[in-house]
Amino acid sequence: MNGDHSKLARKWLENSSKFQLDGLALQGMRIDRVEKGLIRCGLVIPDHLSDGEGNWNVGAISVLIDDMAAGAVFSCCAGNLATVDFTMSFYSAVKVDEEVEIEANVVGQKGNLVAVVIDIKKKGNGEKVATGKQWMHTTPFKSSQSGKSKL
C-alpha cells in the first residue's frame, strides 16, 4: 500500500456529504475513526432514507457502502478511484431512528486493484445488516503540468 492518507480520506468523506446523492445517504453520519485502510462510522437512520415500510432504503445503503469503500481505499492509496466490482449482501432491516455502525477495511491489494470489505451492524446488539465487497482501481494523481505547452 502506498502510504497513510487518512487525513485526506476523512476530509474527502466529510466533503462527500455536500454532494447531492452522497449527501442524502451520508447526512448525519458520525466519523469515529479513520486510519490507513480503515474507516469506522456511526449513523442514526434519518426519515428521508426510509422506504415505504419505514426501513432504511437499500439504495441509500448501496451509496453509503460505495462511499465508505472509496474512503478506505483513498486512506492508503490516494488518487483517482474507480469501482470495478461491487457485491452486497443484505441480512436484516433497519428502521428509521435506529443506529448502525459501519466499518470499511482494506483487505488486499494487487497492483492497482484494491479490495475492501464493508460491514454494517446494528449498534447495541451487533446484528449484521449488510456486507459489501468491492474492488477498486487506483490511479495516482498526475503532477501538474501547468506552464507546459503541448504545441
Protein backbone atom coordinates (compact mmCIF):
# COMPACT_ATOMS: atom_id res chain seq x y z
CA MET A 1 0.00 0.00 0.00
CA ASN A 2 1.25 3.40 -0.91
CA GLY A 3 1.08 5.48 2.26
CA ASP A 4 -1.09 6.90 5.01
CA HIS A 5 -3.59 9.38 3.59
CA SER A 6 -6.12 9.03 6.43
CA LYS A 7 -6.42 12.78 7.00
CA LEU A 8 -7.23 13.32 3.32
CA ALA A 9 -9.70 10.42 3.42
CA ARG A 10 -11.51 11.94 6.42
CA LYS A 11 -11.74 15.28 4.64
CA TRP A 12 -12.98 13.58 1.47
CA LEU A 13 -15.70 11.75 3.43
CA GLU A 14 -16.74 14.94 5.21
CA ASN A 15 -16.93 16.79 1.87
CA SER A 16 -18.85 13.95 0.17
CA SER A 17 -21.87 14.85 2.27
CA LYS A 18 -22.06 18.10 0.29
CA PHE A 19 -22.82 16.33 -3.00
CA GLN A 20 -26.44 15.63 -3.91
CA LEU A 21 -26.67 11.81 -3.91
CA ASP A 22 -23.85 11.19 -1.45
CA GLY A 23 -25.12 13.97 0.77
CA LEU A 24 -28.52 12.33 1.11
CA ALA A 25 -27.02 8.95 2.02
CA LEU A 26 -24.32 10.32 4.37
CA GLN A 27 -26.30 13.08 6.09
CA GLY A 28 -25.85 12.78 9.85
CA MET A 29 -23.02 10.24 9.61
CA ARG A 30 -20.55 10.43 12.51
CA ILE A 31 -16.95 9.61 11.58
CA ASP A 32 -15.47 7.78 14.58
CA ARG A 33 -12.10 6.58 13.28
CA VAL A 34 -10.03 6.96 10.12
CA GLU A 35 -6.64 5.36 9.71
CA LYS A 36 -4.73 3.75 6.90
CA GLY A 37 -7.04 1.15 5.35
CA LEU A 38 -9.81 1.51 7.97
CA ILE A 39 -12.84 3.73 8.49
CA ARG A 40 -15.44 3.40 11.27
CA CYS A 41 -18.61 5.47 11.35
CA GLY A 42 -21.98 5.59 13.01
CA LEU A 43 -25.33 6.65 11.62
CA VAL A 44 -28.80 7.09 13.05
CA ILE A 45 -31.09 6.33 10.12
CA PRO A 46 -32.95 9.53 9.17
CA ASP A 47 -36.52 9.56 7.91
CA HIS A 48 -35.55 10.74 4.41
CA LEU A 49 -33.67 7.44 3.83
CA SER A 50 -36.66 5.20 4.53
CA ASP A 51 -38.63 3.07 2.12
CA GLY A 52 -42.41 2.76 2.17
CA GLU A 53 -42.27 0.43 5.19
CA GLY A 54 -40.08 2.66 7.37
CA ASN A 55 -36.90 0.64 6.73
CA TRP A 56 -33.53 2.00 5.63
CA ASN A 57 -33.69 2.14 1.82
CA VAL A 58 -31.34 -0.34 0.12
CA GLY A 59 -30.36 2.26 -2.49
CA ALA A 60 -29.13 4.54 0.29
CA ILE A 61 -27.24 1.62 1.83
CA SER A 62 -25.57 1.00 -1.56
CA VAL A 63 -24.41 4.60 -1.85
CA LEU A 64 -23.07 4.54 1.72
CA ILE A 65 -21.19 1.27 1.10
CA ASP A 66 -19.61 2.66 -2.08
CA ASP A 67 -18.55 5.88 -0.33
CA MET A 68 -17.12 4.02 2.66
CA ALA A 69 -15.14 1.72 0.34
CA ALA A 70 -13.76 4.69 -1.57
CA GLY A 71 -12.76 6.42 1.68
CA ALA A 72 -10.96 3.33 2.98
CA VAL A 73 -9.10 2.82 -0.30
CA PHE A 74 -8.24 6.52 -0.52
CA SER A 75 -6.78 6.38 3.01
CA CYS A 76 -3.97 4.16 1.78
CA CYS A 77 -3.87 4.81 -1.97
CA ALA A 78 -4.78 8.44 -2.62
CA GLY A 79 -5.60 9.02 -6.26
CA ASN A 80 -8.39 8.62 -8.76
CA LEU A 81 -10.63 5.67 -7.89
CA ALA A 82 -12.98 3.57 -9.99
CA THR A 83 -15.15 0.72 -8.77
CA VAL A 84 -14.59 -2.39 -10.90
CA ASP A 85 -16.52 -4.99 -8.87
CA PHE A 86 -19.20 -4.42 -6.24
CA THR A 87 -21.28 -7.03 -4.41
CA MET A 88 -23.62 -6.62 -1.47
CA SER A 89 -25.48 -8.98 0.83
CA PHE A 90 -28.39 -7.84 2.97
CA TYR A 91 -29.22 -9.69 6.18
CA SER A 92 -31.68 -7.64 8.24
CA ALA A 93 -33.73 -4.46 8.01
CA VAL A 94 -33.07 -1.29 9.98
CA LYS A 95 -35.88 1.07 10.96
CA VAL A 96 -35.77 4.87 10.95
CA ASP A 97 -34.13 6.22 14.15
CA GLU A 98 -32.14 3.02 14.74
CA GLU A 99 -28.36 3.39 14.90
CA VAL A 100 -25.86 1.41 12.86
CA GLU A 101 -22.09 1.03 12.95
CA ILE A 102 -20.23 0.93 9.64
CA GLU A 103 -16.70 -0.36 9.19
CA ALA A 104 -14.70 -0.39 5.96
CA ASN A 105 -11.45 -2.37 5.83
CA VAL A 106 -8.93 -2.64 3.01
CA VAL A 107 -8.20 -6.37 2.90
CA GLY A 108 -5.78 -6.66 -0.02
CA GLN A 109 -4.05 -5.08 -2.96
CA LYS A 110 -2.77 -6.46 -6.24
CA GLY A 111 -1.13 -3.85 -8.41
CA ASN A 112 -3.59 -1.01 -8.91
CA LEU A 113 -6.53 -3.09 -7.64
CA VAL A 114 -7.57 -2.76 -4.01
CA ALA A 115 -10.09 -4.98 -2.20
CA VAL A 116 -12.24 -3.60 0.61
CA VAL A 117 -14.94 -5.13 2.82
CA ILE A 118 -17.66 -3.01 4.40
CA ASP A 119 -19.72 -4.34 7.33
CA ILE A 120 -22.85 -2.67 8.69
CA LYS A 121 -24.22 -3.79 12.06
CA LYS A 122 -26.92 -2.57 14.40
CA LYS A 123 -25.47 -0.70 17.34
CA GLY A 124 -26.13 -2.41 20.63
CA ASN A 125 -26.91 -5.98 19.63
CA GLY A 126 -24.38 -6.21 16.75
CA GLU A 127 -26.89 -7.81 14.38
CA LYS A 128 -25.46 -7.83 10.85
CA VAL A 129 -27.40 -5.58 8.47
CA ALA A 130 -25.32 -5.73 5.27
CA THR A 131 -21.90 -6.55 3.89
CA GLY A 132 -20.30 -5.05 0.82
CA LYS A 133 -17.26 -6.35 -1.01
CA GLN A 134 -15.62 -4.09 -3.51
CA TRP A 135 -12.61 -3.97 -5.80
CA MET A 136 -11.41 -0.52 -6.78
CA HIS A 137 -8.84 0.54 -9.37
CA THR A 138 -6.50 3.30 -8.25
CA THR A 139 -4.66 5.71 -10.49
CA PRO A 140 -2.20 8.10 -8.83
CA PHE A 141 -2.86 11.81 -9.22
CA LYS A 142 -0.77 13.25 -12.04
CA SER A 143 1.56 16.09 -11.22
CA SER A 144 0.57 19.47 -12.55
CA GLN A 145 1.97 20.35 -15.92
CA SER A 146 0.93 23.97 -15.83
CA GLY A 147 3.04 26.23 -17.97
CA LYS A 148 3.97 23.49 -20.43
CA SER A 149 2.52 23.81 -23.88
CA LYS A 150 1.52 20.82 -25.97
CA LEU A 151 2.22 22.83 -29.14
